[in-house]
């Protein structure tokens, strides 16, 4: 939930909202990100009216209201504001009809205005509300931007996630978050990871302590957030365990309802996990461009078997 007073403050730079009526209702709350234009409601059709959304009134609605008689306009606005509206926003610097201001003041429903047109307001306000109402969760792990690919390292405490991140930073990659990664679902299929403000740019190395990546390696070594594109789970090597060797089938880890490709990486002393992490990122780039090494190997094997079959058939019937 967000209070209207917070919405006005947070969007001041982009939207420039001003309160012109119903100021005593600025503590009203908004619980969802969708917006509504009450065109049909102003015409008297309330059956599907979405009253729990921000109501946007543009040039068309203002023109329609101004062409109504004063009694009819007051009647329809009374019906509209009988609903528990979070707020009403007028675009294009439109001023509300007198009746709207009077009723809004009585019923403590904020009426705001902005110089933006309806399209611009809808775009910026939707972006803000989507960000505010996006579902999120915190996960123990380390997030690093490797060649532009967001790799989220997970695994038991002390397995070496932070050490791998430090090695990657030293090789020119960028730390996003260590220890706690705040994951937010921004859009269908897209997860963004960031670090808590308290831990931003800090890395914990066991035996050394807390180090400040930005101070040591500079601003090129850090970034505030990154899309999570692959999860790398670090696990101890077990000689009895069967591990993926070809990579034909992709396995996934579900985070906030979204399937993210998962690589289960067995590690042991002396294994160069940093280079493998870079290879994972580059392999993803190749897949984006339609190149898959595992599928190419299978195709080569199939082609080789076909050629051997053709040669065998030819020699079988070669009686010369």
C-alpha atoms as a PDB file:
ATOM      1  CA  UNK A   1       0.000   0.000   0.000  1.00  0.00           C
ATOM      2  CA  UNK A   2       1.125   3.545  -0.705  1.00  0.00           C
ATOM      3  CA  UNK A   3      -0.300   6.797   0.593  1.00  0.00           C
ATOM      4  CA  UNK A   4      -1.176   9.481  -1.962  1.00  0.00           C
ATOM      5  CA  UNK A   5       1.070  11.977  -0.176  1.00  0.00           C
ATOM      6  CA  UNK A   6       4.006   9.601  -0.774  1.00  0.00           C
ATOM      7  CA  UNK A   7       3.030   9.141  -4.422  1.00  0.00           C
ATOM      8  CA  UNK A   8       3.090  12.929  -4.945  1.00  0.00           C
ATOM      9  CA  UNK A   9       6.449  13.279  -3.181  1.00  0.00           C
ATOM     10  CA  UNK A  10       8.137  10.337  -4.926  1.00  0.00           C
ATOM     11  CA  UNK A  11       7.047  11.387  -8.435  1.00  0.00           C
ATOM     12  CA  UNK A  12       7.541  15.125  -8.017  1.00  0.00           C
ATOM     13  CA  UNK A  13      10.460  15.372 -10.456  1.00  0.00           C
ATOM     14  CA  UNK A  14       8.786  13.456 -13.285  1.00  0.00           C
ATOM     15  CA  UNK A  15       5.085  14.176 -12.799  1.00  0.00           C
ATOM     16  CA  UNK A  16       5.005  17.511 -10.954  1.00  0.00           C
ATOM     17  CA  UNK A  17       1.651  16.772  -9.318  1.00  0.00           C
ATOM     18  CA  UNK A  18      -0.109  19.629  -7.523  1.00  0.00           C
ATOM     19  CA  UNK A  19      -3.015  19.301  -5.086  1.00  0.00           C
ATOM     20  CA  UNK A  20      -5.975  21.473  -6.065  1.00  0.00           C
ATOM     21  CA  UNK A  21      -8.763  19.919  -3.977  1.00  0.00           C
ATOM     22  CA  UNK A  22      -9.358  17.300  -1.272  1.00  0.00           C
ATOM     23  CA  UNK A  23      -6.042  17.967   0.442  1.00  0.00           C
ATOM     24  CA  UNK A  24      -7.362  16.509   3.697  1.00  0.00           C
ATOM     25  CA  UNK A  25      -7.486  13.097   1.968  1.00  0.00           C
ATOM     26  CA  UNK A  26      -3.788  12.874   1.126  1.00  0.00           C
ATOM     27  CA  UNK A  27      -3.409   9.966   3.558  1.00  0.00           C
ATOM     28  CA  UNK A  28      -5.682   7.802   1.426  1.00  0.00           C
ATOM     29  CA  UNK A  29      -3.970   4.616   0.285  1.00  0.00           C
ATOM     30  CA  UNK A  30      -3.498   2.981  -3.095  1.00  0.00           C
ATOM     31  CA  UNK A  31      -3.175  -0.784  -3.282  1.00  0.00           C
ATOM     32  CA  UNK A  32      -2.508  -1.576  -6.927  1.00  0.00           C
ATOM     33  CA  UNK A  33      -0.578  -0.377  -9.951  1.00  0.00           C
ATOM     34  CA  UNK A  34      -3.306  -0.285 -12.611  1.00  0.00           C
ATOM     35  CA  UNK A  35      -4.779   3.047 -13.711  1.00  0.00           C
ATOM     36  CA  UNK A  36      -8.312   3.915 -14.806  1.00  0.00           C
ATOM     37  CA  UNK A  37      -9.940   6.535 -17.030  1.00  0.00           C
ATOM     38  CA  UNK A  38     -13.544   6.999 -15.824  1.00  0.00           C
ATOM     39  CA  UNK A  39     -15.026   7.856 -19.214  1.00  0.00           C
ATOM     40  CA  UNK A  40     -17.921   5.401 -19.060  1.00  0.00           C
ATOM     41  CA  UNK A  41     -18.556   6.219 -15.395  1.00  0.00           C
ATOM     42  CA  UNK A  42     -18.975   9.905 -16.287  1.00  0.00           C
ATOM     43  CA  UNK A  43     -21.582   8.767 -18.813  1.00  0.00           C
ATOM     44  CA  UNK A  44     -23.445   6.939 -16.039  1.00  0.00           C
ATOM     45  CA  UNK A  45     -22.163   3.372 -16.536  1.00  0.00           C
ATOM     46  CA  UNK A  46     -20.744   2.156 -13.210  1.00  0.00           C
ATOM     47  CA  UNK A  47     -21.214  -1.629 -13.502  1.00  0.00           C
ATOM     48  CA  UNK A  48     -17.499  -2.328 -14.215  1.00  0.00           C
ATOM     49  CA  UNK A  49     -16.069   0.815 -12.642  1.00  0.00           C
ATOM     50  CA  UNK A  50     -12.604   0.195 -11.110  1.00  0.00           C
ATOM     51  CA  UNK A  51     -12.854   2.496  -8.089  1.00  0.00           C
ATOM     52  CA  UNK A  52      -9.707   1.259  -6.313  1.00  0.00           C
ATOM     53  CA  UNK A  53      -7.397   2.661  -9.012  1.00  0.00           C
ATOM     54  CA  UNK A  54      -5.945   6.102  -9.690  1.00  0.00           C
ATOM     55  CA  UNK A  55      -8.541   7.928 -11.815  1.00  0.00           C
ATOM     56  CA  UNK A  56      -7.101   9.899 -14.753  1.00  0.00           C
ATOM     57  CA  UNK A  57      -9.159  12.657 -16.331  1.00  0.00           C
ATOM     58  CA  UNK A  58      -7.861  14.102 -19.590  1.00  0.00           C
ATOM     59  CA  UNK A  59      -9.043  16.566 -22.210  1.00  0.00           C
ATOM     60  CA  UNK A  60     -11.842  14.312 -23.453  1.00  0.00           C
ATOM     61  CA  UNK A  61     -13.382  13.847 -19.998  1.00  0.00           C
ATOM     62  CA  UNK A  62     -13.092  17.564 -19.164  1.00  0.00           C
ATOM     63  CA  UNK A  63     -14.766  18.528 -22.454  1.00  0.00           C
ATOM     64  CA  UNK A  64     -17.538  16.018 -21.801  1.00  0.00           C
ATOM     65  CA  UNK A  65     -18.146  17.360 -18.268  1.00  0.00           C
ATOM     66  CA  UNK A  66     -18.127  20.994 -19.412  1.00  0.00           C
ATOM     67  CA  UNK A  67     -20.827  20.267 -21.993  1.00  0.00           C
ATOM     68  CA  UNK A  68     -23.184  18.891 -19.335  1.00  0.00           C
ATOM     69  CA  UNK A  69     -25.684  21.031 -17.479  1.00  0.00           C
ATOM     70  CA  UNK A  70     -24.698  22.058 -13.953  1.00  0.00           C
ATOM     71  CA  UNK A  71     -27.296  19.778 -12.224  1.00  0.00           C
ATOM     72  CA  UNK A  72     -26.353  16.774 -14.393  1.00  0.00           C
ATOM     73  CA  UNK A  73     -22.630  17.379 -13.832  1.00  0.00           C
ATOM     74  CA  UNK A  74     -23.078  17.657 -10.057  1.00  0.00           C
ATOM     75  CA  UNK A  75     -25.186  14.508 -10.009  1.00  0.00           C
ATOM     76  CA  UNK A  76     -22.703  12.378 -11.955  1.00  0.00           C
ATOM     77  CA  UNK A  77     -19.714  13.676  -9.966  1.00  0.00           C
ATOM     78  CA  UNK A  78     -21.524  12.917  -6.719  1.00  0.00           C
ATOM     79  CA  UNK A  79     -22.044   9.346  -7.898  1.00  0.00           C
ATOM     80  CA  UNK A  80     -18.408   9.083  -9.001  1.00  0.00           C
ATOM     81  CA  UNK A  81     -16.967  10.385  -5.746  1.00  0.00           C
ATOM     82  CA  UNK A  82     -19.307   8.238  -3.656  1.00  0.00           C
ATOM     83  CA  UNK A  83     -16.814   5.473  -4.430  1.00  0.00           C
ATOM     84  CA  UNK A  84     -13.669   5.275  -2.232  1.00  0.00           C
ATOM     85  CA  UNK A  85     -11.325   6.646  -4.893  1.00  0.00           C
ATOM     86  CA  UNK A  86      -7.611   6.861  -3.986  1.00  0.00           C
ATOM     87  CA  UNK A  87      -7.250  10.108  -5.979  1.00  0.00           C
ATOM     88  CA  UNK A  88      -8.148  11.873  -9.213  1.00  0.00           C
ATOM     89  CA  UNK A  89      -5.465  13.273 -11.546  1.00  0.00           C
ATOM     90  CA  UNK A  90      -6.198  15.878 -14.227  1.00  0.00           C
ATOM     91  CA  UNK A  91      -3.733  16.050 -17.121  1.00  0.00           C
ATOM     92  CA  UNK A  92      -2.693  18.911 -19.435  1.00  0.00           C
ATOM     93  CA  UNK A  93      -2.977  21.476 -16.627  1.00  0.00           C
ATOM     94  CA  UNK A  94      -6.761  21.096 -16.767  1.00  0.00           C
ATOM     95  CA  UNK A  95      -8.697  22.739 -13.977  1.00  0.00           C
ATOM     96  CA  UNK A  96     -11.544  20.729 -12.435  1.00  0.00           C
ATOM     97  CA  UNK A  97     -15.158  21.801 -12.715  1.00  0.00           C
ATOM     98  CA  UNK A  98     -16.277  23.724  -9.620  1.00  0.00           C
ATOM     99  CA  UNK A  99     -18.547  20.858  -8.638  1.00  0.00           C
ATOM    100  CA  UNK A 100     -15.649  18.380  -8.658  1.00  0.00           C
ATOM    101  CA  UNK A 101     -13.567  20.536  -6.306  1.00  0.00           C
ATOM    102  CA  UNK A 102     -16.499  21.119  -3.952  1.00  0.00           C
ATOM    103  CA  UNK A 103     -17.443  17.436  -3.715  1.00  0.00           C
ATOM    104  CA  UNK A 104     -13.798  16.329  -3.409  1.00  0.00           C
ATOM    105  CA  UNK A 105     -13.273  18.731  -0.496  1.00  0.00           C
ATOM    106  CA  UNK A 106     -16.360  17.429   1.276  1.00  0.00           C
ATOM    107  CA  UNK A 107     -15.472  13.757   0.733  1.00  0.00           C
ATOM    108  CA  UNK A 108     -11.703  14.219   1.236  1.00  0.00           C
ATOM    109  CA  UNK A 109     -10.708  12.759  -2.117  1.00  0.00           C
ATOM    110  CA  UNK A 110      -7.458  14.301  -3.439  1.00  0.00           C
ATOM    111  CA  UNK A 111      -7.709  15.975  -6.832  1.00  0.00           C
ATOM    112  CA  UNK A 112      -4.303  16.515  -8.455  1.00  0.00           C
ATOM    113  CA  UNK A 113      -3.198  18.179 -11.649  1.00  0.00           C
ATOM    114  CA  UNK A 114      -0.118  17.873 -13.873  1.00  0.00           C
ATOM    115  CA  UNK A 115       1.185  19.619 -16.974  1.00  0.00           C
ATOM    116  CA  UNK A 116       1.856  16.259 -18.639  1.00  0.00           C
ATOM    117  CA  UNK A 117      -0.542  14.933 -21.237  1.00  0.00           C
ATOM    118  CA  UNK A 118      -2.432  11.724 -20.571  1.00  0.00           C
ATOM    119  CA  UNK A 119      -0.019   9.489 -22.481  1.00  0.00           C
ATOM    120  CA  UNK A 120       3.036  10.873 -20.680  1.00  0.00           C
ATOM    121  CA  UNK A 121       1.365  10.664 -17.265  1.00  0.00           C
ATOM    122  CA  UNK A 122       0.221   7.092 -17.863  1.00  0.00           C
ATOM    123  CA  UNK A 123       3.708   6.010 -18.932  1.00  0.00           C
ATOM    124  CA  UNK A 124       5.607   7.537 -16.000  1.00  0.00           C
ATOM    125  CA  UNK A 125       3.005   6.771 -13.344  1.00  0.00           C
ATOM    126  CA  UNK A 126       2.645   3.153 -14.498  1.00  0.00           C
ATOM    127  CA  UNK A 127       6.426   2.737 -14.326  1.00  0.00           C
ATOM    128  CA  UNK A 128       6.515   4.124 -10.786  1.00  0.00           C
ATOM    129  CA  UNK A 129       3.589   2.022  -9.544  1.00  0.00           C
ATOM    130  CA  UNK A 130       4.956  -1.122 -11.192  1.00  0.00           C
ATOM    131  CA  UNK A 131       8.211  -0.586  -9.326  1.00  0.00           C
ATOM    132  CA  UNK A 132       6.446   0.056  -6.003  1.00  0.00           C
ATOM    133  CA  UNK A 133       4.131  -2.942  -6.227  1.00  0.00           C
ATOM    134  CA  UNK A 134       6.557  -5.446  -7.746  1.00  0.00           C
ATOM    135  CA  UNK A 135       6.829  -8.641  -5.635  1.00  0.00           C
ATOM    136  CA  UNK A 136      10.252  -9.221  -4.118  1.00  0.00           C
ATOM    137  CA  UNK A 137      12.158 -11.557  -1.839  1.00  0.00           C
ATOM    138  CA  UNK A 138      15.634 -11.771  -0.313  1.00  0.00           C
ATOM    139  CA  UNK A 139      17.955 -14.683  -1.049  1.00  0.00           C
ATOM    140  CA  UNK A 140      21.297 -15.705   0.397  1.00  0.00           C
ATOM    141  CA  UNK A 141      23.801 -15.501  -2.426  1.00  0.00           C
ATOM    142  CA  UNK A 142      26.130 -13.321  -4.475  1.00  0.00           C
ATOM    143  CA  UNK A 143      25.203 -11.539  -7.701  1.00  0.00           C
ATOM    144  CA  UNK A 144      27.856 -10.544 -10.241  1.00  0.00           C
ATOM    145  CA  UNK A 145      27.614  -8.968 -13.686  1.00  0.00           C
ATOM    146  CA  UNK A 146      29.858 -11.144 -15.873  1.00  0.00           C
ATOM    147  CA  UNK A 147      30.223  -9.926 -19.455  1.00  0.00           C
ATOM    148  CA  UNK A 148      26.799  -8.295 -19.127  1.00  0.00           C
ATOM    149  CA  UNK A 149      25.174 -11.483 -17.806  1.00  0.00           C
ATOM    150  CA  UNK A 150      23.768 -11.547 -14.288  1.00  0.00           C
ATOM    151  CA  UNK A 151      25.093 -14.657 -12.519  1.00  0.00           C
ATOM    152  CA  UNK A 152      23.544 -15.400  -9.133  1.00  0.00           C
ATOM    153  CA  UNK A 153      25.826 -17.677  -7.086  1.00  0.00           C
ATOM    154  CA  UNK A 154      24.086 -19.716  -4.413  1.00  0.00           C
ATOM    155  CA  UNK A 155      25.222 -22.512  -2.107  1.00  0.00           C
ATOM    156  CA  UNK A 156      25.859 -23.263   1.523  1.00  0.00           C
ATOM    157  CA  UNK A 157      27.557 -20.677   3.726  1.00  0.00           C
ATOM    158  CA  UNK A 158      31.347 -20.743   3.397  1.00  0.00           C
ATOM    159  CA  UNK A 159      31.451 -22.597   0.092  1.00  0.00           C
ATOM    160  CA  UNK A 160      33.257 -19.720  -1.636  1.00  0.00           C
ATOM    161  CA  UNK A 161      30.665 -17.483  -3.292  1.00  0.00           C
ATOM    162  CA  UNK A 162      32.289 -14.251  -2.117  1.00  0.00           C
ATOM    163  CA  UNK A 163      35.788 -15.429  -3.047  1.00  0.00           C
ATOM    164  CA  UNK A 164      34.599 -16.208  -6.585  1.00  0.00           C
ATOM    165  CA  UNK A 165      32.977 -12.766  -6.784  1.00  0.00           C
ATOM    166  CA  UNK A 166      36.224 -11.131  -5.662  1.00  0.00           C
ATOM    167  CA  UNK A 167      38.195 -13.011  -8.309  1.00  0.00           C
ATOM    168  CA  UNK A 168      35.674 -12.001 -10.972  1.00  0.00           C
ATOM    169  CA  UNK A 169      35.871  -8.341  -9.909  1.00  0.00           C
ATOM    170  CA  UNK A 170      39.669  -8.510 -10.105  1.00  0.00           C
ATOM    171  CA  UNK A 171      39.273  -9.768 -13.693  1.00  0.00           C
ATOM    172  CA  UNK A 172      37.149  -6.734 -14.615  1.00  0.00           C
ATOM    173  CA  UNK A 173      33.603  -7.853 -13.855  1.00  0.00           C
ATOM    174  CA  UNK A 174      31.138  -6.028 -11.600  1.00  0.00           C
ATOM    175  CA  UNK A 175      29.759  -6.844  -8.158  1.00  0.00           C
ATOM    176  CA  UNK A 176      26.044  -6.240  -7.615  1.00  0.00           C
ATOM    177  CA  UNK A 177      25.371  -7.763  -4.195  1.00  0.00           C
ATOM    178  CA  UNK A 178      26.989 -10.107  -1.706  1.00  0.00           C
ATOM    179  CA  UNK A 179      25.503 -12.191   1.118  1.00  0.00           C
ATOM    180  CA  UNK A 180      21.918 -10.919   0.674  1.00  0.00           C
ATOM    181  CA  UNK A 181      20.418 -10.377  -2.780  1.00  0.00           C
ATOM    182  CA  UNK A 182      17.088  -8.553  -2.962  1.00  0.00           C
ATOM    183  CA  UNK A 183      15.224  -9.976  -5.967  1.00  0.00           C
ATOM    184  CA  UNK A 184      12.323  -8.097  -7.554  1.00  0.00           C
ATOM    185  CA  UNK A 185      10.027  -9.260 -10.334  1.00  0.00           C
ATOM    186  CA  UNK A 186       9.811  -6.208 -12.571  1.00  0.00           C
ATOM    187  CA  UNK A 187       7.970  -7.678 -15.566  1.00  0.00           C
ATOM    188  CA  UNK A 188       6.885 -11.093 -16.852  1.00  0.00           C
ATOM    189  CA  UNK A 189      10.030 -13.210 -17.057  1.00  0.00           C
ATOM    190  CA  UNK A 190      12.365 -10.527 -15.671  1.00  0.00           C
ATOM    191  CA  UNK A 191      14.018 -10.572 -12.248  1.00  0.00           C
ATOM    192  CA  UNK A 192      16.233  -7.739 -11.032  1.00  0.00           C
ATOM    193  CA  UNK A 193      18.716  -8.271  -8.228  1.00  0.00           C
ATOM    194  CA  UNK A 194      20.225  -5.632  -5.963  1.00  0.00           C
ATOM    195  CA  UNK A 195      21.827  -5.416  -2.553  1.00  0.00           C
ATOM    196  CA  UNK A 196      20.473  -3.928   0.685  1.00  0.00           C
ATOM    197  CA  UNK A 197      21.624  -0.339   1.094  1.00  0.00           C
ATOM    198  CA  UNK A 198      23.442  -1.232   4.316  1.00  0.00           C
ATOM    199  CA  UNK A 199      25.612  -3.829   2.516  1.00  0.00           C
ATOM    200  CA  UNK A 200      26.009  -2.025  -0.813  1.00  0.00           C
ATOM    201  CA  UNK A 201      29.420  -2.558  -2.490  1.00  0.00           C
ATOM    202  CA  UNK A 202      30.696  -4.580   0.504  1.00  0.00           C
ATOM    203  CA  UNK A 203      32.120  -8.085   0.280  1.00  0.00           C
ATOM    204  CA  UNK A 204      32.811 -10.480   3.150  1.00  0.00           C
ATOM    205  CA  UNK A 205      35.915 -12.636   2.822  1.00  0.00           C
ATOM    206  CA  UNK A 206      36.301 -15.187   5.606  1.00  0.00           C
ATOM    207  CA  UNK A 207      39.601 -14.727   7.391  1.00  0.00           C
ATOM    208  CA  UNK A 208      39.976 -11.192   6.039  1.00  0.00           C
ATOM    209  CA  UNK A 209      36.729  -9.484   6.955  1.00  0.00           C
ATOM    210  CA  UNK A 210      34.628  -6.844   5.182  1.00  0.00           C
ATOM    211  CA  UNK A 211      36.156  -5.127   2.158  1.00  0.00           C
ATOM    212  CA  UNK A 212      34.769  -2.194   0.169  1.00  0.00           C
ATOM    213  CA  UNK A 213      34.851  -3.167  -3.505  1.00  0.00           C
ATOM    214  CA  UNK A 214      34.166   0.360  -4.731  1.00  0.00           C
ATOM    215  CA  UNK A 215      37.001   1.871  -2.700  1.00  0.00           C
ATOM    216  CA  UNK A 216      39.507  -0.787  -3.741  1.00  0.00           C
ATOM    217  CA  UNK A 217      38.635  -1.371  -7.401  1.00  0.00           C
ATOM    218  CA  UNK A 218      36.763   1.828  -8.327  1.00  0.00           C
ATOM    219  CA  UNK A 219      33.288   2.585  -9.611  1.00  0.00           C
ATOM    220  CA  UNK A 220      33.772   0.354 -12.670  1.00  0.00           C
ATOM    221  CA  UNK A 221      33.750  -2.685 -10.371  1.00  0.00           C
ATOM    222  CA  UNK A 222      30.214  -2.225  -9.017  1.00  0.00           C
ATOM    223  CA  UNK A 223      26.646  -1.668 -10.171  1.00  0.00           C
ATOM    224  CA  UNK A 224      23.431  -1.063  -8.227  1.00  0.00           C
ATOM    225  CA  UNK A 225      21.235  -3.681  -9.874  1.00  0.00           C
ATOM    226  CA  UNK A 226      21.310  -6.338 -12.592  1.00  0.00           C
ATOM    227  CA  UNK A 227      18.900  -8.676 -14.291  1.00  0.00           C
ATOM    228  CA  UNK A 228      19.344 -12.259 -13.054  1.00  0.00           C
ATOM    229  CA  UNK A 229      19.823 -14.515 -16.081  1.00  0.00           C
ATOM    230  CA  UNK A 230      21.480 -17.646 -14.674  1.00  0.00           C
ATOM    231  CA  UNK A 231      21.699 -19.206 -11.224  1.00  0.00           C
ATOM    232  CA  UNK A 232      24.975 -20.995 -10.443  1.00  0.00           C
ATOM    233  CA  UNK A 233      24.625 -23.393  -7.521  1.00  0.00           C
ATOM    234  CA  UNK A 234      27.977 -24.281  -5.976  1.00  0.00           C
ATOM    235  CA  UNK A 235      28.069 -27.801  -4.517  1.00  0.00           C
ATOM    236  CA  UNK A 236      30.869 -29.966  -3.121  1.00  0.00           C
ATOM    237  CA  UNK A 237      32.276 -32.553  -5.480  1.00  0.00           C
ATOM    238  CA  UNK A 238      30.997 -36.053  -4.809  1.00  0.00           C
ATOM    239  CA  UNK A 239      32.603 -38.851  -6.807  1.00  0.00           C
ATOM    240  CA  UNK A 240      29.474 -41.004  -6.437  1.00  0.00           C
ATOM    241  CA  UNK A 241      27.205 -38.306  -7.858  1.00  0.00           C
ATOM    242  CA  UNK A 242      26.258 -38.058 -11.530  1.00  0.00           C
ATOM    243  CA  UNK A 243      26.721 -34.544 -12.937  1.00  0.00           C
ATOM    244  CA  UNK A 244      25.630 -33.006 -16.218  1.00  0.00           C
ATOM    245  CA  UNK A 245      28.302 -33.598 -18.838  1.00  0.00           C
ATOM    246  CA  UNK A 246      26.756 -32.500 -22.131  1.00  0.00           C
ATOM    247  CA  UNK A 247      24.176 -29.876 -21.214  1.00  0.00           C
ATOM    248  CA  UNK A 248      21.440 -30.856 -23.647  1.00  0.00           C
ATOM    249  CA  UNK A 249      18.612 -30.329 -21.176  1.00  0.00           C
ATOM    250  CA  UNK A 250      18.333 -27.055 -19.290  1.00  0.00           C
ATOM    251  CA  UNK A 251      17.222 -27.235 -15.674  1.00  0.00           C
ATOM    252  CA  UNK A 252      15.589 -24.303 -13.932  1.00  0.00           C
ATOM    253  CA  UNK A 253      15.195 -22.749 -10.509  1.00  0.00           C
ATOM    254  CA  UNK A 254      11.882 -21.050  -9.805  1.00  0.00           C
ATOM    255  CA  UNK A 255      12.202 -17.626  -8.182  1.00  0.00           C
ATOM    256  CA  UNK A 256       9.095 -15.488  -7.645  1.00  0.00           C
ATOM    257  CA  UNK A 257       7.248 -17.731 -10.090  1.00  0.00           C
ATOM    258  CA  UNK A 258       9.828 -17.296 -12.858  1.00  0.00           C
ATOM    259  CA  UNK A 259      12.030 -20.140 -14.158  1.00  0.00           C
ATOM    260  CA  UNK A 260      15.693 -19.104 -14.281  1.00  0.00           C
ATOM    261  CA  UNK A 261      18.304 -21.424 -15.900  1.00  0.00           C
ATOM    262  CA  UNK A 262      20.254 -23.276 -13.219  1.00  0.00           C
ATOM    263  CA  UNK A 263      23.806 -24.603 -13.443  1.00  0.00           C
ATOM    264  CA  UNK A 264      24.793 -27.016 -10.654  1.00  0.00           C
ATOM    265  CA  UNK A 265      28.570 -26.621 -10.467  1.00  0.00           C
ATOM    266  CA  UNK A 266      30.565 -29.159  -8.428  1.00  0.00           C
ATOM    267  CA  UNK A 267      33.711 -27.619  -6.972  1.00  0.00           C
ATOM    268  CA  UNK A 268      36.880 -28.944  -5.367  1.00  0.00           C
ATOM    269  CA  UNK A 269      40.270 -27.580  -4.374  1.00  0.00           C
ATOM    270  CA  UNK A 270      42.175 -26.189  -7.342  1.00  0.00           C
ATOM    271  CA  UNK A 271      39.205 -25.968  -9.695  1.00  0.00           C
ATOM    272  CA  UNK A 272      39.191 -22.664 -11.605  1.00  0.00           C
ATOM    273  CA  UNK A 273      35.587 -21.677 -10.916  1.00  0.00           C
ATOM    274  CA  UNK A 274      36.172 -18.089 -12.059  1.00  0.00           C
ATOM    275  CA  UNK A 275      36.987 -19.073 -15.637  1.00  0.00           C
ATOM    276  CA  UNK A 276      34.076 -21.510 -15.624  1.00  0.00           C
ATOM    277  CA  UNK A 277      31.770 -18.686 -14.485  1.00  0.00           C
ATOM    278  CA  UNK A 278      32.993 -16.536 -17.379  1.00  0.00           C
ATOM    279  CA  UNK A 279      32.388 -19.461 -19.735  1.00  0.00           C
ATOM    280  CA  UNK A 280      28.835 -19.884 -18.422  1.00  0.00           C
ATOM    281  CA  UNK A 281      28.136 -16.220 -19.226  1.00  0.00           C
ATOM    282  CA  UNK A 282      29.667 -16.451 -22.708  1.00  0.00           C
ATOM    283  CA  UNK A 283      27.799 -19.693 -23.433  1.00  0.00           C
ATOM    284  CA  UNK A 284      24.546 -17.899 -22.650  1.00  0.00           C
ATOM    285  CA  UNK A 285      25.516 -15.187 -25.140  1.00  0.00           C
ATOM    286  CA  UNK A 286      26.094 -17.831 -27.821  1.00  0.00           C
ATOM    287  CA  UNK A 287      22.696 -19.414 -27.110  1.00  0.00           C
ATOM    288  CA  UNK A 288      21.051 -16.025 -27.569  1.00  0.00           C
ATOM    289  CA  UNK A 289      22.620 -15.933 -31.030  1.00  0.00           C
ATOM    290  CA  UNK A 290      21.412 -19.458 -31.785  1.00  0.00           C
ATOM    291  CA  UNK A 291      24.597 -21.419 -31.118  1.00  0.00           C
ATOM    292  CA  UNK A 292      24.365 -24.392 -28.751  1.00  0.00           C
ATOM    293  CA  UNK A 293      27.490 -26.552 -28.416  1.00  0.00           C
ATOM    294  CA  UNK A 294      25.607 -29.564 -27.000  1.00  0.00           C
ATOM    295  CA  UNK A 295      23.100 -29.575 -29.871  1.00  0.00           C
ATOM    296  CA  UNK A 296      25.911 -29.144 -32.396  1.00  0.00           C
ATOM    297  CA  UNK A 297      27.719 -32.170 -30.927  1.00  0.00           C
ATOM    298  CA  UNK A 298      24.569 -34.278 -31.232  1.00  0.00           C
ATOM    299  CA  UNK A 299      24.104 -33.128 -34.818  1.00  0.00           C
ATOM    300  CA  UNK A 300      27.728 -34.027 -35.612  1.00  0.00           C
ATOM    301  CA  UNK A 301      27.238 -37.502 -34.144  1.00  0.00           C
ATOM    302  CA  UNK A 302      24.057 -38.003 -36.142  1.00  0.00           C
ATOM    303  CA  UNK A 303      25.776 -36.840 -39.335  1.00  0.00           C
ATOM    304  CA  UNK A 304      28.771 -39.109 -38.684  1.00  0.00           C
ATOM    305  CA  UNK A 305      26.512 -42.140 -38.176  1.00  0.00           C
ATOM    306  CA  UNK A 306      24.630 -41.320 -41.359  1.00  0.00           C
ATOM    307  CA  UNK A 307      27.849 -41.032 -43.385  1.00  0.00           C
ATOM    308  CA  UNK A 308      29.165 -44.324 -42.002  1.00  0.00           C
ATOM    309  CA  UNK A 309      25.876 -45.980 -42.942  1.00  0.00           C
ATOM    310  CA  UNK A 310      26.095 -44.652 -46.488  1.00  0.00           C
ATOM    311  CA  UNK A 311      29.691 -45.885 -46.871  1.00  0.00           C
ATOM    312  CA  UNK A 312      28.785 -49.282 -45.450  1.00  0.00           C
ATOM    313  CA  UNK A 313      25.838 -49.659 -47.832  1.00  0.00           C
ATOM    314  CA  UNK A 314      27.968 -48.644 -50.799  1.00  0.00           C
ATOM    315  CA  UNK A 315      30.745 -51.133 -50.008  1.00  0.00           C
ATOM    316  CA  UNK A 316      28.260 -53.939 -49.372  1.00  0.00           C
ATOM    317  CA  UNK A 317      26.917 -53.765 -52.925  1.00  0.00           C
ATOM    318  CA  UNK A 318      30.237 -52.899 -54.605  1.00  0.00           C
ATOM    319  CA  UNK A 319      30.973 -56.142 -56.523  1.00  0.00           C
ATOM    320  CA  UNK A 320      33.595 -54.741 -58.885  1.00  0.00           C
END
